[in-house]
Protein backbone atom coordinates (compact mmCIF):
# COMPACT_ATOMS: atom_id res chain seq x y z
CA MET A 1 -30.57 2.48 -13.60
CA ASP A 2 -27.63 0.45 -12.29
CA GLY A 3 -25.21 2.70 -14.19
CA ALA A 4 -26.77 5.82 -12.65
CA ILE A 5 -26.50 4.31 -9.15
CA ASP A 6 -22.86 3.41 -9.78
CA ARG A 7 -22.12 6.98 -10.84
CA VAL A 8 -23.74 8.35 -7.67
CA ILE A 9 -21.75 5.91 -5.50
CA ASN A 10 -18.51 6.83 -7.26
CA THR A 11 -19.22 10.55 -6.77
CA VAL A 12 -19.81 10.01 -3.05
CA LEU A 13 -16.62 7.97 -2.76
CA ARG A 14 -14.56 10.71 -4.38
CA ARG A 15 -15.90 13.29 -1.94
CA ARG A 16 -15.00 11.16 1.06
CA ARG A 17 -12.09 12.21 3.26
CA ILE A 18 -9.36 9.91 4.49
CA ARG A 19 -6.61 10.34 7.05
CA ALA A 20 -3.73 8.34 8.44
CA LEU A 21 -3.79 6.92 11.95
CA ARG A 22 -2.19 9.35 14.38
CA ARG A 23 0.87 8.48 16.44
CA HIS A 24 -1.11 8.20 19.68
CA GLU A 25 -3.66 5.91 18.03
CA ILE A 26 -0.92 3.52 16.91
CA HIS A 27 0.66 3.69 20.36
CA ASP A 28 -2.68 2.82 21.95
CA LEU A 29 -3.10 -0.14 19.58
CA ALA A 30 0.37 -1.38 20.51
CA ALA A 31 -0.40 -0.99 24.21
CA ASP A 32 -3.69 -2.87 23.98
CA ILE A 33 -3.02 -5.54 21.34
CA ALA A 34 0.09 -7.71 21.37
CA TYR A 35 0.19 -8.02 17.58
CA TYR A 36 0.89 -4.31 17.18
CA LYS A 37 3.64 -3.95 19.80
CA PRO A 38 6.59 -5.07 17.60
CA ARG A 39 5.03 -3.24 14.64
CA GLU A 40 4.52 0.16 16.26
CA ALA A 41 7.72 1.74 14.88
CA TYR A 42 7.23 0.99 11.19
CA MET A 43 3.48 1.63 11.34
CA THR A 44 4.18 5.06 12.81
CA VAL A 45 6.58 5.81 9.96
CA ALA A 46 4.03 4.53 7.44
CA SER A 47 1.30 6.70 8.90
CA THR A 48 3.59 9.75 8.85
CA VAL A 49 4.46 9.15 5.19
CA ALA A 50 0.78 8.61 4.35
CA ALA A 51 -0.34 11.72 6.23
CA ASP A 52 2.15 13.84 4.30
CA LEU A 53 1.03 12.36 0.99
CA ILE A 54 -2.66 12.76 1.80
CA ASP A 55 -2.18 16.39 2.82
CA ARG A 56 0.24 17.37 0.09
CA ARG A 57 -1.66 15.73 -2.75
CA ARG A 58 -5.15 16.29 -1.28
CA LEU A 59 -6.09 12.64 -1.45
CA ARG A 60 -9.65 11.59 -0.67
CA THR A 61 -9.95 7.84 -1.28
CA ALA A 62 -7.81 4.83 -0.42
CA LEU A 63 -7.71 1.07 -0.76
CA GLU A 64 -5.75 -0.89 1.85
CA VAL A 65 -5.02 -4.59 1.41
CA GLY A 66 -4.67 -6.99 4.32
CA PRO A 67 -4.72 -4.82 7.45
CA HIS A 68 -4.80 -6.83 10.69
CA LEU A 69 -7.49 -5.28 12.89
CA ARG A 70 -7.42 -1.68 11.76
CA PRO A 71 -6.28 -0.03 8.52
CA VAL A 72 -3.51 2.53 8.83
CA ILE A 73 -5.72 4.76 6.66
CA VAL A 74 -8.95 5.76 8.41
CA GLY A 75 -11.81 5.76 5.92
CA ALA A 76 -10.06 3.43 3.47
CA ASP A 77 -11.80 0.65 1.64
CA THR A 78 -10.11 -2.67 2.41
CA MET A 79 -9.45 -5.85 0.47
CA GLU A 80 -9.43 -9.16 2.35
CA LEU A 81 -9.49 -12.85 1.45
CA GLU A 82 -12.63 -13.34 3.55
CA PRO A 83 -15.06 -11.27 5.61
CA SER A 84 -13.76 -10.17 9.00
CA ASP A 85 -15.91 -8.99 11.89
CA ALA A 86 -12.73 -8.00 13.76
CA LEU A 87 -11.70 -5.40 11.18
CA SER A 88 -12.69 -1.89 12.26
CA ALA A 89 -12.47 1.72 11.08
CA THR A 90 -12.86 0.75 7.45
CA SER A 91 -15.30 2.00 4.87
CA HIS A 92 -16.14 -0.73 2.36
CA LEU A 93 -14.82 -4.30 2.53
CA LEU A 94 -13.94 -5.92 -0.78
CA VAL A 95 -13.64 -9.69 -0.40
CA HIS A 96 -11.16 -10.75 -3.06
CA ASP A 97 -7.87 -12.63 -3.40
CA ALA A 98 -5.33 -9.95 -4.39
CA THR A 99 -3.29 -12.55 -6.29
CA SER A 100 -6.25 -13.07 -8.62
CA THR A 101 -6.17 -10.44 -11.35
CA PRO A 102 -7.75 -8.31 -12.59
CA TRP A 103 -9.21 -6.93 -9.38
CA PRO A 104 -12.91 -5.99 -9.44
CA VAL A 105 -11.99 -2.30 -9.22
CA GLU A 106 -12.26 0.43 -11.85
CA ASP A 107 -9.17 2.05 -13.38
CA LYS A 108 -7.77 4.79 -11.12
CA ALA A 109 -10.68 4.35 -8.68
CA TYR A 110 -8.48 5.30 -5.71
CA ASP A 111 -6.13 8.12 -4.86
CA LEU A 112 -3.99 5.94 -2.59
CA PHE A 113 -3.15 2.24 -2.28
CA VAL A 114 -1.59 0.83 0.92
CA ALA A 115 -0.25 -2.65 1.66
CA LEU A 116 1.90 -3.11 4.76
CA GLN A 117 3.77 -6.43 5.01
CA VAL A 118 1.43 -8.08 2.52
CA PHE A 119 3.12 -8.44 -0.87
CA GLU A 120 5.64 -11.03 0.37
CA HIS A 121 2.69 -13.42 0.84
CA PHE A 122 1.64 -13.32 -2.82
CA HIS A 123 3.67 -16.42 -3.82
CA GLY A 124 5.06 -15.33 -7.16
CA HIS A 125 2.10 -13.14 -8.14
CA GLN A 126 3.73 -9.87 -7.01
CA PRO A 127 4.33 -8.39 -10.50
CA GLU A 128 0.72 -8.98 -11.55
CA ALA A 129 -0.57 -7.56 -8.26
CA PHE A 130 1.57 -4.45 -8.60
CA ARG A 131 0.32 -3.97 -12.14
CA GLU A 132 -3.16 -3.85 -10.61
CA VAL A 133 -1.94 -1.31 -8.04
CA ARG A 134 -0.82 0.88 -10.93
CA ARG A 135 -4.14 0.41 -12.66
CA VAL A 136 -6.45 1.22 -9.75
CA ALA A 137 -4.45 3.85 -7.79
CA ARG A 138 -2.65 7.13 -8.37
CA HIS A 139 -0.22 6.79 -5.45
CA ALA A 140 0.91 3.85 -3.32
CA ILE A 141 2.74 2.92 -0.12
CA LEU A 142 3.96 -0.65 0.36
CA SER A 143 6.11 -2.05 3.14
CA LEU A 144 8.21 -5.21 2.80
CA PRO A 145 10.46 -7.23 5.13
CA ILE A 146 14.03 -6.91 3.88
CA ASP A 147 16.98 -9.24 4.62
CA TRP A 148 15.22 -11.24 7.32
CA VAL A 149 16.79 -14.58 8.21
CA MET A 150 14.14 -17.14 9.09
CA ALA A 151 14.61 -20.63 10.52
CA ASP A 152 12.59 -22.03 7.60
CA PRO A 153 14.14 -21.06 4.24
CA ALA A 154 10.74 -21.64 2.63
CA ASN A 155 9.22 -18.86 4.72
CA CYS A 156 8.13 -16.01 2.44
CA HIS A 157 9.98 -13.53 4.67
CA HIS A 158 13.32 -15.33 4.36
CA GLN A 159 16.12 -13.28 2.78
CA LEU A 160 13.84 -11.11 0.69
CA SER A 161 16.20 -8.53 -0.82
CA ASN A 162 15.61 -4.96 -1.89
CA ASP A 163 16.67 -5.87 -5.44
CA ARG A 164 14.10 -8.64 -5.62
CA VAL A 165 11.35 -6.34 -4.38
CA LEU A 166 12.29 -3.70 -6.95
CA SER A 167 12.04 -6.37 -9.66
CA TRP A 168 8.37 -6.85 -8.72
CA PHE A 169 7.73 -3.17 -9.47
CA ALA A 170 9.60 -3.02 -12.81
CA PRO A 171 9.52 -1.04 -15.03
CA VAL A 172 8.39 1.47 -12.39
CA THR A 173 10.78 2.56 -9.65
CA PRO A 174 9.67 4.07 -6.32
CA THR A 175 9.61 7.81 -5.86
CA ARG A 176 11.40 7.16 -2.58
CA ILE A 177 12.20 4.34 -0.18
CA VAL A 178 11.85 5.02 3.54
CA LEU A 179 13.21 2.95 6.41
CA GLY A 180 10.28 1.79 8.52
CA ASN A 181 12.49 0.19 11.14
CA GLY A 182 16.02 -1.16 11.29
CA GLY A 183 17.45 -4.15 13.10
CA GLN A 184 17.31 -7.83 12.24
CA LYS A 185 13.75 -7.48 11.00
CA LYS A 186 14.15 -4.42 8.82
CA ARG A 187 11.14 -3.08 6.97
CA LEU A 188 11.31 -0.70 4.01
CA LEU A 189 8.48 1.49 2.79
CA TYR A 190 8.23 1.88 -0.98
CA VAL A 191 6.43 5.09 -1.90
CA PHE A 192 5.06 5.76 -5.38
CA GLU A 193 3.63 9.08 -6.50
CA ASP A 194 1.82 9.66 -9.79
CA LEU A 195 1.77 6.00 -10.74
CA ARG A 196 1.77 5.39 -14.45
CA ALA A 197 -1.07 3.24 -15.70
CA PRO A 198 -0.03 -0.03 -17.36
CA ASP A 199 -0.64 -0.57 -21.06
CA GLY A 200 -4.27 -1.22 -21.78
CA ALA A 201 -5.59 0.71 -18.77
CA VAL A 202 -7.49 3.96 -19.14
CA GLY A 203 -5.17 5.82 -16.75
CA ASP A 204 -5.51 9.52 -16.07
CA GLY A 205 -2.88 11.27 -18.12
CA VAL A 206 0.17 10.36 -16.05
CA GLY A 207 1.55 8.16 -18.80
CA ALA A 208 1.67 4.52 -19.84
CA GLU A 209 3.90 1.63 -18.96
CA GLY A 210 7.51 2.16 -19.95
CA ALA A 211 7.03 5.85 -20.73
CA PRO A 212 9.96 8.17 -19.94
CA GLY A 213 10.10 10.08 -16.69
CA THR A 214 10.05 7.20 -14.19
CA THR A 215 11.62 8.37 -10.95
CA GLN A 216 14.72 6.87 -9.37
CA PRO A 217 14.57 5.72 -5.72
CA ASP A 218 15.52 8.17 -2.99
CA VAL A 219 16.21 6.06 0.10
CA ARG A 220 15.50 7.94 3.32
CA GLU A 221 15.04 7.37 7.02
CA SER A 222 12.82 10.10 8.39
CA GLY A 223 14.49 12.51 6.00
CA ALA A 224 18.02 11.15 6.36
CA SER A 225 19.79 8.94 3.84
CA VAL A 226 19.99 5.24 4.66
CA ARG A 227 23.42 3.69 4.16
C-alpha cells in the first residue's frame, strides 16, 4: 500500500508546475525586507536564468536548499536544517542537513536544483553535497560569493575563488557561469544542464560520472562575456 501511495505522490509531483520569481516580486521583497535589498541584483539574475531554463527545458519540479524567507522558485520543495514558519511560497519542506549524505531523496526526483549563497556554508562537505545534486536533479543553479575579503579570515565567504568552487564540482564543469553581481561582493551563478548521474546512481540516460561530453564553462554577464 505504501508503495502505491508513493507512486501516486510522485506522479502528482511530476505534474506540478514551477516558475521563477518575477522581477517585480523580487523588487517588492527588497523594498519590504532589509535582507533582500543588497541581494536584489543577483537574485534577479538568478530568477531570469531559472525562468529561461524552466521554459526552455519544460521543467516541472524543483528542490531549493536554504532560501531565506521565500524560494526563488515558486512551487519548489525546500530543504532546511529545521522547520521554519517564516518560509513561504514553498511546496514541501524537507528538514535535513544538506551536508549529511545521502539525502532522503530518490534518484533524479527533481528537474531543477537551486542553492543561492548556500554551498560556502557546507564546511568541507561541498563535493559530497554536489554529488547528491547530480544524483537527485537533472539541472542545477548555484550561486557562490567569489573573491570576497572578510575581516575574519575564518569566515566561509573569505577569498573563495572560482577555481576552488570549480574543484567542488569536479569532474563536472558548469554549462555556463553567469555574473550575478559585480563589485567587492561578487556573486557568480553556476548553471548545469543535463547533469550526469554519479557512479552508482540510477540516473536517466544522461551518462555516468567521468563520461565524455562534459561541457566547458561559458562565463557570461547577461549574455556578455565576463573578463
